[in-house]
Amino acid sequence: MPDELLSRGVIAYVGKAGHLPAKPRLESVADVAGGRDAELPARVKALVDELYGVGPPLWDAATPEEMARRVDAWLAANHPELTDAAIRALHNMYTFDFK
């Protein structure tokens, strides 16, 4: 079952493509929580750190498209609670950072 709050927190952390954030990422995540989950920023940060620390690295791919597929597969296997939108946001951020 999707964890909608975690997924919304991930999307807030990643932000919108082409827009500079108005505030620090974790503050945006805390805003999404709205007092319902004080641990949401830490949970999102831990998930992102886990993704970026995967070995062998997911960025070791021939193309950004293959990298995105690897990120999608890893997230689906390790974080099935994420919505498709959250997975897409993370693979966009990851491939942008490592392209």
N, C-alpha and C. Protein backbone atom coordinates (compact mmCIF):
# COMPACT_ATOMS: atom_id res chain seq x y z
N MET A 1 0.84 -1.18 0.00
CA MET A 1 0.00 0.00 0.00
C MET A 1 0.89 1.25 0.00
N PRO A 2 0.60 2.18 -0.87
CA PRO A 2 1.43 3.39 -0.95
C PRO A 2 1.37 4.23 0.34
N ASP A 3 2.50 4.77 0.69
CA ASP A 3 2.60 5.72 1.80
C ASP A 3 2.54 7.11 1.17
N GLU A 4 1.34 7.65 1.13
CA GLU A 4 1.11 8.93 0.44
C GLU A 4 1.91 10.07 1.06
N LEU A 5 2.00 10.09 2.39
CA LEU A 5 2.71 11.19 3.05
C LEU A 5 4.22 11.11 2.74
N LEU A 6 4.79 9.93 2.82
CA LEU A 6 6.21 9.77 2.47
C LEU A 6 6.44 10.16 1.01
N SER A 7 5.57 9.71 0.15
CA SER A 7 5.71 10.03 -1.28
C SER A 7 5.61 11.53 -1.53
N ARG A 8 4.67 12.19 -0.87
CA ARG A 8 4.56 13.65 -1.02
C ARG A 8 5.80 14.34 -0.45
N GLY A 9 6.35 13.79 0.63
CA GLY A 9 7.59 14.33 1.20
C GLY A 9 8.75 14.20 0.24
N VAL A 10 8.84 13.07 -0.44
CA VAL A 10 9.90 12.86 -1.44
C VAL A 10 9.76 13.87 -2.56
N ILE A 11 8.56 14.05 -3.04
CA ILE A 11 8.32 15.01 -4.14
C ILE A 11 8.66 16.43 -3.69
N ALA A 12 8.33 16.78 -2.46
CA ALA A 12 8.69 18.10 -1.93
C ALA A 12 10.20 18.25 -1.82
N TYR A 13 10.89 17.18 -1.42
CA TYR A 13 12.35 17.21 -1.30
C TYR A 13 13.00 17.43 -2.66
N VAL A 14 12.52 16.73 -3.67
CA VAL A 14 13.09 16.84 -5.01
C VAL A 14 12.79 18.21 -5.61
N GLY A 15 11.58 18.71 -5.41
CA GLY A 15 11.20 20.00 -5.97
C GLY A 15 10.74 19.87 -7.41
N LYS A 16 10.50 21.00 -8.03
CA LYS A 16 10.02 21.02 -9.40
C LYS A 16 11.17 21.32 -10.34
N ALA A 17 11.22 20.58 -11.44
CA ALA A 17 12.27 20.78 -12.44
C ALA A 17 12.23 22.21 -12.96
N GLY A 18 13.40 22.81 -13.04
CA GLY A 18 13.52 24.15 -13.58
C GLY A 18 13.19 25.27 -12.62
N HIS A 19 12.92 24.94 -11.36
CA HIS A 19 12.59 25.96 -10.36
C HIS A 19 13.57 25.88 -9.19
N LEU A 20 14.07 27.02 -8.80
CA LEU A 20 14.91 27.06 -7.61
C LEU A 20 14.01 26.98 -6.39
N PRO A 21 14.43 26.22 -5.39
CA PRO A 21 13.59 26.10 -4.20
C PRO A 21 13.51 27.42 -3.42
N ALA A 22 12.35 27.69 -2.88
CA ALA A 22 12.14 28.90 -2.09
C ALA A 22 12.70 28.75 -0.68
N LYS A 23 12.90 27.50 -0.25
CA LYS A 23 13.41 27.23 1.10
C LYS A 23 14.21 25.94 1.07
N PRO A 24 14.94 25.66 2.11
CA PRO A 24 15.70 24.40 2.15
C PRO A 24 14.79 23.18 1.96
N ARG A 25 15.33 22.15 1.34
CA ARG A 25 14.55 20.96 1.00
C ARG A 25 13.82 20.35 2.19
N LEU A 26 14.53 20.20 3.29
CA LEU A 26 13.90 19.53 4.44
C LEU A 26 12.81 20.39 5.07
N GLU A 27 12.89 21.70 4.92
CA GLU A 27 11.79 22.56 5.38
C GLU A 27 10.55 22.32 4.53
N SER A 28 10.75 22.14 3.23
CA SER A 28 9.62 21.84 2.34
C SER A 28 8.96 20.53 2.73
N VAL A 29 9.79 19.54 3.11
CA VAL A 29 9.25 18.25 3.54
C VAL A 29 8.46 18.43 4.84
N ALA A 30 8.99 19.18 5.78
CA ALA A 30 8.28 19.43 7.04
C ALA A 30 6.94 20.11 6.79
N ASP A 31 6.90 21.02 5.83
CA ASP A 31 5.63 21.68 5.48
C ASP A 31 4.60 20.67 5.00
N VAL A 32 5.04 19.70 4.22
CA VAL A 32 4.14 18.66 3.73
C VAL A 32 3.57 17.86 4.90
N ALA A 33 4.42 17.58 5.88
CA ALA A 33 3.97 16.81 7.05
C ALA A 33 2.91 17.55 7.83
N GLY A 34 3.02 18.86 7.89
CA GLY A 34 2.01 19.66 8.58
C GLY A 34 1.74 19.23 10.00
N GLY A 35 2.76 18.76 10.70
CA GLY A 35 2.60 18.35 12.09
C GLY A 35 2.13 16.92 12.27
N ARG A 36 1.82 16.22 11.17
CA ARG A 36 1.34 14.84 11.28
C ARG A 36 2.45 13.83 11.49
N ASP A 37 3.67 14.17 11.05
CA ASP A 37 4.79 13.23 11.15
C ASP A 37 6.07 14.02 11.31
N ALA A 38 6.48 14.22 12.55
CA ALA A 38 7.69 15.01 12.83
C ALA A 38 8.94 14.34 12.27
N GLU A 39 8.87 13.05 12.03
CA GLU A 39 10.02 12.30 11.51
C GLU A 39 10.09 12.27 9.99
N LEU A 40 9.11 12.85 9.31
CA LEU A 40 9.08 12.77 7.85
C LEU A 40 10.35 13.33 7.20
N PRO A 41 10.86 14.49 7.59
CA PRO A 41 12.10 14.96 6.96
C PRO A 41 13.25 13.96 7.12
N ALA A 42 13.39 13.38 8.29
CA ALA A 42 14.46 12.40 8.52
C ALA A 42 14.24 11.14 7.69
N ARG A 43 12.99 10.71 7.56
CA ARG A 43 12.68 9.52 6.76
C ARG A 43 13.00 9.75 5.29
N VAL A 44 12.64 10.93 4.78
CA VAL A 44 12.92 11.25 3.38
C VAL A 44 14.42 11.33 3.16
N LYS A 45 15.12 12.01 4.03
CA LYS A 45 16.59 12.16 3.89
C LYS A 45 17.26 10.79 3.94
N ALA A 46 16.83 9.91 4.83
CA ALA A 46 17.41 8.57 4.93
C ALA A 46 17.17 7.78 3.64
N LEU A 47 15.98 7.91 3.06
CA LEU A 47 15.67 7.21 1.82
C LEU A 47 16.56 7.71 0.69
N VAL A 48 16.71 9.03 0.57
CA VAL A 48 17.55 9.60 -0.48
C VAL A 48 19.01 9.19 -0.26
N ASP A 49 19.48 9.24 0.96
CA ASP A 49 20.86 8.82 1.25
C ASP A 49 21.06 7.34 0.90
N GLU A 50 20.06 6.53 1.21
CA GLU A 50 20.15 5.10 0.88
C GLU A 50 20.26 4.91 -0.64
N LEU A 51 19.42 5.61 -1.40
CA LEU A 51 19.45 5.52 -2.86
C LEU A 51 20.82 5.93 -3.39
N TYR A 52 21.34 7.03 -2.91
CA TYR A 52 22.62 7.54 -3.41
C TYR A 52 23.80 6.68 -2.95
N GLY A 53 23.60 5.84 -1.96
CA GLY A 53 24.67 4.99 -1.45
C GLY A 53 24.63 3.56 -1.97
N VAL A 54 23.74 3.26 -2.88
CA VAL A 54 23.60 1.89 -3.39
C VAL A 54 24.88 1.45 -4.08
N GLY A 55 25.27 0.22 -3.83
CA GLY A 55 26.41 -0.35 -4.51
C GLY A 55 26.02 -1.70 -5.10
N PRO A 56 26.45 -2.04 -6.29
CA PRO A 56 27.21 -1.15 -7.16
C PRO A 56 26.36 0.05 -7.55
N PRO A 57 27.01 1.15 -7.82
CA PRO A 57 26.26 2.39 -8.07
C PRO A 57 25.33 2.28 -9.27
N LEU A 58 24.14 2.83 -9.10
CA LEU A 58 23.14 2.81 -10.16
C LEU A 58 23.52 3.74 -11.31
N TRP A 59 24.43 4.68 -11.05
CA TRP A 59 24.81 5.64 -12.10
C TRP A 59 25.74 5.01 -13.12
N ASP A 60 26.24 3.83 -12.84
CA ASP A 60 27.16 3.16 -13.76
C ASP A 60 26.36 2.49 -14.88
N ALA A 61 25.77 3.33 -15.72
CA ALA A 61 24.92 2.86 -16.82
C ALA A 61 25.34 3.56 -18.10
N ALA A 62 25.02 2.93 -19.22
CA ALA A 62 25.43 3.47 -20.52
C ALA A 62 24.69 4.76 -20.89
N THR A 63 23.44 4.88 -20.44
CA THR A 63 22.63 6.04 -20.81
C THR A 63 21.83 6.53 -19.60
N PRO A 64 21.38 7.77 -19.63
CA PRO A 64 20.49 8.24 -18.56
C PRO A 64 19.20 7.42 -18.47
N GLU A 65 18.71 6.95 -19.60
CA GLU A 65 17.49 6.14 -19.60
C GLU A 65 17.71 4.83 -18.85
N GLU A 66 18.86 4.18 -19.10
CA GLU A 66 19.18 2.94 -18.38
C GLU A 66 19.37 3.23 -16.89
N MET A 67 20.00 4.34 -16.57
CA MET A 67 20.17 4.73 -15.17
C MET A 67 18.80 4.89 -14.51
N ALA A 68 17.88 5.56 -15.19
CA ALA A 68 16.54 5.76 -14.64
C ALA A 68 15.84 4.42 -14.43
N ARG A 69 15.99 3.48 -15.37
CA ARG A 69 15.39 2.16 -15.21
C ARG A 69 15.97 1.43 -14.00
N ARG A 70 17.27 1.57 -13.79
CA ARG A 70 17.90 0.94 -12.63
C ARG A 70 17.38 1.54 -11.32
N VAL A 71 17.26 2.87 -11.30
CA VAL A 71 16.73 3.54 -10.11
C VAL A 71 15.29 3.09 -9.86
N ASP A 72 14.47 3.06 -10.91
CA ASP A 72 13.08 2.62 -10.77
C ASP A 72 13.01 1.21 -10.20
N ALA A 73 13.82 0.31 -10.75
CA ALA A 73 13.81 -1.09 -10.29
C ALA A 73 14.27 -1.20 -8.84
N TRP A 74 15.31 -0.47 -8.49
CA TRP A 74 15.81 -0.52 -7.11
C TRP A 74 14.76 0.02 -6.14
N LEU A 75 14.15 1.14 -6.48
CA LEU A 75 13.13 1.72 -5.60
C LEU A 75 11.93 0.80 -5.48
N ALA A 76 11.48 0.21 -6.59
CA ALA A 76 10.33 -0.70 -6.55
C ALA A 76 10.62 -1.90 -5.65
N ALA A 77 11.85 -2.41 -5.70
CA ALA A 77 12.22 -3.58 -4.90
C ALA A 77 12.43 -3.23 -3.42
N ASN A 78 12.97 -2.05 -3.16
CA ASN A 78 13.35 -1.69 -1.79
C ASN A 78 12.40 -0.74 -1.09
N HIS A 79 11.57 -0.03 -1.86
CA HIS A 79 10.63 0.92 -1.28
C HIS A 79 9.28 0.85 -2.01
N PRO A 80 8.62 -0.30 -1.90
CA PRO A 80 7.34 -0.45 -2.61
C PRO A 80 6.25 0.49 -2.08
N GLU A 81 6.52 1.16 -0.97
CA GLU A 81 5.54 2.09 -0.40
C GLU A 81 5.48 3.40 -1.17
N LEU A 82 6.43 3.65 -2.06
CA LEU A 82 6.45 4.91 -2.81
C LEU A 82 5.48 4.87 -3.98
N THR A 83 4.87 6.00 -4.24
CA THR A 83 3.99 6.12 -5.41
C THR A 83 4.84 6.25 -6.67
N ASP A 84 4.20 6.04 -7.81
CA ASP A 84 4.90 6.19 -9.08
C ASP A 84 5.45 7.61 -9.24
N ALA A 85 4.71 8.60 -8.77
CA ALA A 85 5.17 9.99 -8.89
C ALA A 85 6.43 10.22 -8.06
N ALA A 86 6.51 9.63 -6.89
CA ALA A 86 7.70 9.79 -6.05
C ALA A 86 8.89 9.08 -6.68
N ILE A 87 8.67 7.90 -7.24
CA ILE A 87 9.75 7.18 -7.92
C ILE A 87 10.25 7.98 -9.11
N ARG A 88 9.34 8.53 -9.88
CA ARG A 88 9.71 9.34 -11.04
C ARG A 88 10.52 10.56 -10.60
N ALA A 89 10.10 11.22 -9.53
CA ALA A 89 10.82 12.39 -9.03
C ALA A 89 12.24 12.00 -8.63
N LEU A 90 12.38 10.88 -7.92
CA LEU A 90 13.72 10.45 -7.50
C LEU A 90 14.58 10.05 -8.68
N HIS A 91 14.02 9.37 -9.66
CA HIS A 91 14.87 8.98 -10.79
C HIS A 91 15.27 10.20 -11.62
N ASN A 92 14.40 11.21 -11.69
CA ASN A 92 14.77 12.44 -12.38
C ASN A 92 15.92 13.15 -11.65
N MET A 93 15.82 13.25 -10.33
CA MET A 93 16.87 13.91 -9.55
C MET A 93 18.18 13.14 -9.68
N TYR A 94 18.11 11.83 -9.53
CA TYR A 94 19.31 10.99 -9.57
C TYR A 94 20.00 11.08 -10.93
N THR A 95 19.23 10.93 -12.00
CA THR A 95 19.85 10.97 -13.32
C THR A 95 20.40 12.35 -13.62
N PHE A 96 19.74 13.41 -13.16
CA PHE A 96 20.27 14.75 -13.37
C PHE A 96 21.60 14.91 -12.62
N ASP A 97 21.66 14.42 -11.39
CA ASP A 97 22.87 14.56 -10.60
C ASP A 97 24.05 13.78 -11.17
N PHE A 98 23.78 12.67 -11.84
CA PHE A 98 24.87 11.81 -12.28
C PHE A 98 25.02 11.72 -13.79
N LYS A 99 24.27 12.50 -14.55
CA LYS A 99 24.39 12.40 -16.01
C LYS A 99 25.70 12.93 -16.51
